[in-house]
Amino acid sequence: MELAEIFRALANDKRLQILEWLKDPVAHFPPQVDGDLVEDGVCGLFIANKLDVSAPTLSEHMKVLVNAGLVTPKRIKQWTFYKRDEAMLSQAKKAIQSQV
């Protein structure tokens, strides 16, 4: 786990908002045709629409979150779905706390 990558991921308000929404996807996103919101994650297009950014901009945000290990991607058909990696988020929290 790279703390620098985690700090980079968390240093952006939009990425923090995405992580907050993904904590309870059913409360923040409509039902999906493909993929279960909880089991498979949220379609990137839903996240982009809610965040009011383009798909390429969302892709960059998600790349940072995935590289930090905080979010996992899953391909279903032509779509990418994202969900929080709760184990990594817990490890990241402990690592950050140990640095303070």
N, C-alpha and C. Protein backbone atom coordinates (compact mmCIF):
# COMPACT_ATOMS: atom_id res chain seq x y z
N MET A 1 0.84 -1.18 0.00
CA MET A 1 0.00 0.00 0.00
C MET A 1 0.89 1.24 0.00
N GLU A 2 0.69 2.10 -0.98
CA GLU A 2 1.44 3.34 -1.10
C GLU A 2 0.65 4.48 -0.48
N LEU A 3 1.16 5.02 0.62
CA LEU A 3 0.44 6.13 1.27
C LEU A 3 0.33 7.33 0.36
N ALA A 4 1.34 7.57 -0.47
CA ALA A 4 1.29 8.72 -1.39
C ALA A 4 0.11 8.60 -2.34
N GLU A 5 -0.15 7.39 -2.84
CA GLU A 5 -1.28 7.16 -3.74
C GLU A 5 -2.60 7.38 -3.01
N ILE A 6 -2.66 6.94 -1.78
CA ILE A 6 -3.89 7.12 -0.99
C ILE A 6 -4.14 8.60 -0.73
N PHE A 7 -3.09 9.32 -0.33
CA PHE A 7 -3.25 10.75 -0.09
C PHE A 7 -3.66 11.48 -1.37
N ARG A 8 -3.07 11.08 -2.49
CA ARG A 8 -3.44 11.69 -3.78
C ARG A 8 -4.92 11.45 -4.07
N ALA A 9 -5.37 10.23 -3.82
CA ALA A 9 -6.77 9.89 -4.08
C ALA A 9 -7.72 10.68 -3.19
N LEU A 10 -7.33 10.87 -1.95
CA LEU A 10 -8.21 11.53 -0.98
C LEU A 10 -8.11 13.06 -1.02
N ALA A 11 -7.18 13.58 -1.79
CA ALA A 11 -6.94 15.03 -1.82
C ALA A 11 -7.82 15.75 -2.84
N ASN A 12 -8.91 15.14 -3.23
CA ASN A 12 -9.79 15.74 -4.23
C ASN A 12 -11.24 15.61 -3.75
N ASP A 13 -11.96 16.71 -3.73
CA ASP A 13 -13.34 16.70 -3.24
C ASP A 13 -14.26 15.78 -4.05
N LYS A 14 -14.06 15.74 -5.35
CA LYS A 14 -14.91 14.89 -6.19
C LYS A 14 -14.67 13.41 -5.88
N ARG A 15 -13.43 13.03 -5.67
CA ARG A 15 -13.14 11.62 -5.34
C ARG A 15 -13.68 11.27 -3.95
N LEU A 16 -13.60 12.21 -3.02
CA LEU A 16 -14.19 11.96 -1.70
C LEU A 16 -15.70 11.79 -1.81
N GLN A 17 -16.33 12.58 -2.68
CA GLN A 17 -17.77 12.46 -2.89
C GLN A 17 -18.12 11.10 -3.48
N ILE A 18 -17.33 10.66 -4.45
CA ILE A 18 -17.56 9.33 -5.05
C ILE A 18 -17.48 8.25 -3.99
N LEU A 19 -16.45 8.30 -3.15
CA LEU A 19 -16.31 7.29 -2.08
C LEU A 19 -17.51 7.33 -1.14
N GLU A 20 -18.00 8.52 -0.84
CA GLU A 20 -19.17 8.65 0.04
C GLU A 20 -20.40 8.02 -0.61
N TRP A 21 -20.64 8.31 -1.87
CA TRP A 21 -21.78 7.72 -2.57
C TRP A 21 -21.68 6.21 -2.64
N LEU A 22 -20.48 5.71 -2.90
CA LEU A 22 -20.30 4.26 -3.03
C LEU A 22 -20.44 3.52 -1.70
N LYS A 23 -20.40 4.26 -0.61
CA LYS A 23 -20.60 3.64 0.70
C LYS A 23 -22.02 3.05 0.81
N ASP A 24 -22.98 3.74 0.20
CA ASP A 24 -24.38 3.29 0.20
C ASP A 24 -24.96 3.52 -1.19
N PRO A 25 -24.58 2.67 -2.16
CA PRO A 25 -24.98 2.92 -3.54
C PRO A 25 -26.49 2.88 -3.77
N VAL A 26 -27.22 2.08 -3.02
CA VAL A 26 -28.67 1.98 -3.20
C VAL A 26 -29.34 3.31 -2.87
N ALA A 27 -28.82 4.02 -1.90
CA ALA A 27 -29.40 5.30 -1.51
C ALA A 27 -29.07 6.43 -2.49
N HIS A 28 -28.00 6.26 -3.27
CA HIS A 28 -27.52 7.35 -4.11
C HIS A 28 -27.68 7.15 -5.61
N PHE A 29 -27.98 5.92 -6.04
CA PHE A 29 -28.07 5.64 -7.47
C PHE A 29 -29.33 4.85 -7.79
N PRO A 30 -29.88 5.04 -9.00
CA PRO A 30 -31.07 4.29 -9.40
C PRO A 30 -30.70 2.84 -9.72
N PRO A 31 -31.68 1.96 -9.77
CA PRO A 31 -31.41 0.57 -10.15
C PRO A 31 -30.78 0.51 -11.55
N GLN A 32 -29.93 -0.50 -11.76
CA GLN A 32 -29.23 -0.67 -13.02
C GLN A 32 -29.80 -1.86 -13.78
N VAL A 33 -29.72 -1.81 -15.09
CA VAL A 33 -30.15 -2.93 -15.92
C VAL A 33 -29.14 -4.07 -15.76
N ASP A 34 -27.86 -3.74 -15.91
CA ASP A 34 -26.80 -4.74 -15.76
C ASP A 34 -26.08 -4.49 -14.45
N GLY A 35 -25.84 -5.55 -13.71
CA GLY A 35 -25.06 -5.44 -12.48
C GLY A 35 -25.87 -4.95 -11.29
N ASP A 36 -25.63 -5.60 -10.17
CA ASP A 36 -26.26 -5.23 -8.91
C ASP A 36 -25.47 -4.09 -8.26
N LEU A 37 -26.15 -3.06 -7.78
CA LEU A 37 -25.48 -1.92 -7.18
C LEU A 37 -24.53 -2.31 -6.05
N VAL A 38 -24.95 -3.25 -5.22
CA VAL A 38 -24.15 -3.64 -4.06
C VAL A 38 -23.11 -4.69 -4.44
N GLU A 39 -23.52 -5.73 -5.13
CA GLU A 39 -22.61 -6.83 -5.45
C GLU A 39 -21.58 -6.46 -6.53
N ASP A 40 -22.02 -5.78 -7.58
CA ASP A 40 -21.15 -5.50 -8.72
C ASP A 40 -20.59 -4.09 -8.71
N GLY A 41 -21.26 -3.19 -8.04
CA GLY A 41 -20.83 -1.80 -8.02
C GLY A 41 -21.73 -0.93 -8.88
N VAL A 42 -21.34 0.31 -9.02
CA VAL A 42 -22.13 1.31 -9.73
C VAL A 42 -21.49 1.57 -11.09
N CYS A 43 -22.31 1.62 -12.13
CA CYS A 43 -21.84 1.90 -13.47
C CYS A 43 -21.18 3.28 -13.51
N GLY A 44 -20.04 3.35 -14.16
CA GLY A 44 -19.31 4.60 -14.26
C GLY A 44 -20.14 5.74 -14.84
N LEU A 45 -21.02 5.43 -15.80
CA LEU A 45 -21.85 6.48 -16.38
C LEU A 45 -22.81 7.09 -15.35
N PHE A 46 -23.33 6.28 -14.44
CA PHE A 46 -24.19 6.80 -13.38
C PHE A 46 -23.40 7.76 -12.47
N ILE A 47 -22.17 7.35 -12.15
CA ILE A 47 -21.33 8.19 -11.30
C ILE A 47 -21.00 9.50 -12.01
N ALA A 48 -20.64 9.42 -13.30
CA ALA A 48 -20.31 10.62 -14.07
C ALA A 48 -21.50 11.57 -14.13
N ASN A 49 -22.70 11.03 -14.37
CA ASN A 49 -23.89 11.87 -14.44
C ASN A 49 -24.18 12.55 -13.11
N LYS A 50 -24.08 11.80 -12.02
CA LYS A 50 -24.36 12.36 -10.70
C LYS A 50 -23.31 13.40 -10.31
N LEU A 51 -22.07 13.18 -10.71
CA LEU A 51 -20.98 14.10 -10.40
C LEU A 51 -20.97 15.29 -11.37
N ASP A 52 -21.74 15.17 -12.45
CA ASP A 52 -21.82 16.20 -13.49
C ASP A 52 -20.47 16.45 -14.16
N VAL A 53 -19.83 15.33 -14.55
CA VAL A 53 -18.57 15.39 -15.29
C VAL A 53 -18.69 14.49 -16.52
N SER A 54 -17.77 14.66 -17.45
CA SER A 54 -17.76 13.81 -18.64
C SER A 54 -17.22 12.43 -18.29
N ALA A 55 -17.47 11.47 -19.17
CA ALA A 55 -16.96 10.12 -18.95
C ALA A 55 -15.43 10.10 -18.87
N PRO A 56 -14.70 10.82 -19.74
CA PRO A 56 -13.23 10.82 -19.61
C PRO A 56 -12.74 11.42 -18.28
N THR A 57 -13.42 12.45 -17.80
CA THR A 57 -13.04 13.04 -16.51
C THR A 57 -13.28 12.06 -15.39
N LEU A 58 -14.42 11.38 -15.43
CA LEU A 58 -14.70 10.37 -14.40
C LEU A 58 -13.66 9.26 -14.47
N SER A 59 -13.30 8.86 -15.67
CA SER A 59 -12.30 7.81 -15.85
C SER A 59 -11.00 8.16 -15.14
N GLU A 60 -10.58 9.40 -15.23
CA GLU A 60 -9.35 9.83 -14.56
C GLU A 60 -9.50 9.76 -13.04
N HIS A 61 -10.65 10.20 -12.53
CA HIS A 61 -10.88 10.13 -11.08
C HIS A 61 -10.88 8.67 -10.61
N MET A 62 -11.54 7.81 -11.38
CA MET A 62 -11.63 6.41 -10.98
C MET A 62 -10.27 5.73 -11.09
N LYS A 63 -9.47 6.11 -12.07
CA LYS A 63 -8.12 5.56 -12.21
C LYS A 63 -7.29 5.83 -10.95
N VAL A 64 -7.40 7.05 -10.42
CA VAL A 64 -6.67 7.41 -9.21
C VAL A 64 -7.17 6.58 -8.03
N LEU A 65 -8.49 6.43 -7.90
CA LEU A 65 -9.04 5.64 -6.79
C LEU A 65 -8.67 4.16 -6.91
N VAL A 66 -8.70 3.63 -8.12
CA VAL A 66 -8.34 2.23 -8.34
C VAL A 66 -6.85 2.02 -8.05
N ASN A 67 -6.00 2.92 -8.55
CA ASN A 67 -4.55 2.79 -8.32
C ASN A 67 -4.20 2.86 -6.84
N ALA A 68 -4.98 3.60 -6.07
CA ALA A 68 -4.77 3.68 -4.63
C ALA A 68 -5.32 2.45 -3.91
N GLY A 69 -6.10 1.63 -4.63
CA GLY A 69 -6.66 0.42 -4.03
C GLY A 69 -7.94 0.66 -3.26
N LEU A 70 -8.51 1.85 -3.36
CA LEU A 70 -9.70 2.19 -2.58
C LEU A 70 -10.99 1.75 -3.25
N VAL A 71 -10.93 1.53 -4.56
CA VAL A 71 -12.09 1.15 -5.35
C VAL A 71 -11.67 0.02 -6.30
N THR A 72 -12.59 -0.92 -6.52
CA THR A 72 -12.30 -1.99 -7.47
C THR A 72 -13.23 -1.88 -8.68
N PRO A 73 -12.67 -2.05 -9.88
CA PRO A 73 -13.50 -2.02 -11.09
C PRO A 73 -13.95 -3.42 -11.48
N LYS A 74 -15.06 -3.49 -12.17
CA LYS A 74 -15.56 -4.77 -12.68
C LYS A 74 -16.22 -4.50 -14.03
N ARG A 75 -15.79 -5.23 -15.05
CA ARG A 75 -16.37 -5.08 -16.38
C ARG A 75 -17.58 -6.00 -16.53
N ILE A 76 -18.68 -5.42 -16.98
CA ILE A 76 -19.88 -6.18 -17.35
C ILE A 76 -20.31 -5.63 -18.70
N LYS A 77 -20.28 -6.51 -19.69
CA LYS A 77 -20.52 -6.10 -21.08
C LYS A 77 -19.54 -5.00 -21.43
N GLN A 78 -20.04 -3.86 -21.92
CA GLN A 78 -19.12 -2.79 -22.30
C GLN A 78 -18.95 -1.75 -21.20
N TRP A 79 -19.52 -2.00 -20.03
CA TRP A 79 -19.52 -1.01 -18.94
C TRP A 79 -18.52 -1.39 -17.84
N THR A 80 -18.06 -0.38 -17.14
CA THR A 80 -17.22 -0.62 -15.96
C THR A 80 -18.00 -0.18 -14.73
N PHE A 81 -18.06 -1.08 -13.75
CA PHE A 81 -18.76 -0.83 -12.50
C PHE A 81 -17.72 -0.70 -11.39
N TYR A 82 -18.01 0.17 -10.43
CA TYR A 82 -17.05 0.45 -9.37
C TYR A 82 -17.69 0.26 -8.00
N LYS A 83 -16.90 -0.33 -7.09
CA LYS A 83 -17.35 -0.43 -5.71
C LYS A 83 -16.17 -0.20 -4.78
N ARG A 84 -16.48 0.20 -3.58
CA ARG A 84 -15.44 0.45 -2.58
C ARG A 84 -14.79 -0.87 -2.17
N ASP A 85 -13.50 -0.82 -1.91
CA ASP A 85 -12.79 -1.96 -1.35
C ASP A 85 -12.66 -1.68 0.15
N GLU A 86 -13.63 -2.19 0.90
CA GLU A 86 -13.71 -1.87 2.33
C GLU A 86 -12.48 -2.34 3.10
N ALA A 87 -11.91 -3.47 2.73
CA ALA A 87 -10.71 -3.96 3.42
C ALA A 87 -9.54 -3.00 3.21
N MET A 88 -9.35 -2.54 1.98
CA MET A 88 -8.27 -1.60 1.71
C MET A 88 -8.53 -0.25 2.36
N LEU A 89 -9.77 0.19 2.37
CA LEU A 89 -10.09 1.45 3.04
C LEU A 89 -9.77 1.37 4.53
N SER A 90 -10.05 0.24 5.14
CA SER A 90 -9.73 0.04 6.55
C SER A 90 -8.22 0.05 6.78
N GLN A 91 -7.49 -0.64 5.91
CA GLN A 91 -6.02 -0.64 6.01
C GLN A 91 -5.46 0.76 5.81
N ALA A 92 -6.01 1.48 4.85
CA ALA A 92 -5.54 2.84 4.57
C ALA A 92 -5.77 3.74 5.78
N LYS A 93 -6.93 3.60 6.41
CA LYS A 93 -7.24 4.40 7.59
C LYS A 93 -6.24 4.13 8.71
N LYS A 94 -5.94 2.85 8.92
CA LYS A 94 -4.96 2.49 9.96
C LYS A 94 -3.58 3.03 9.62
N ALA A 95 -3.19 2.93 8.35
CA ALA A 95 -1.87 3.41 7.92
C ALA A 95 -1.76 4.91 8.10
N ILE A 96 -2.83 5.63 7.77
CA ILE A 96 -2.82 7.08 7.91
C ILE A 96 -2.75 7.46 9.40
N GLN A 97 -3.52 6.76 10.22
CA GLN A 97 -3.52 7.05 11.65
C GLN A 97 -2.16 6.79 12.28
N SER A 98 -1.45 5.80 11.78
CA SER A 98 -0.13 5.48 12.33
C SER A 98 0.92 6.52 11.95
N GLN A 99 0.63 7.33 10.92
CA GLN A 99 1.56 8.36 10.47
C GLN A 99 1.35 9.68 11.18
N VAL A 100 0.23 9.82 11.86
CA VAL A 100 -0.10 11.10 12.51
C VAL A 100 0.48 11.17 13.89
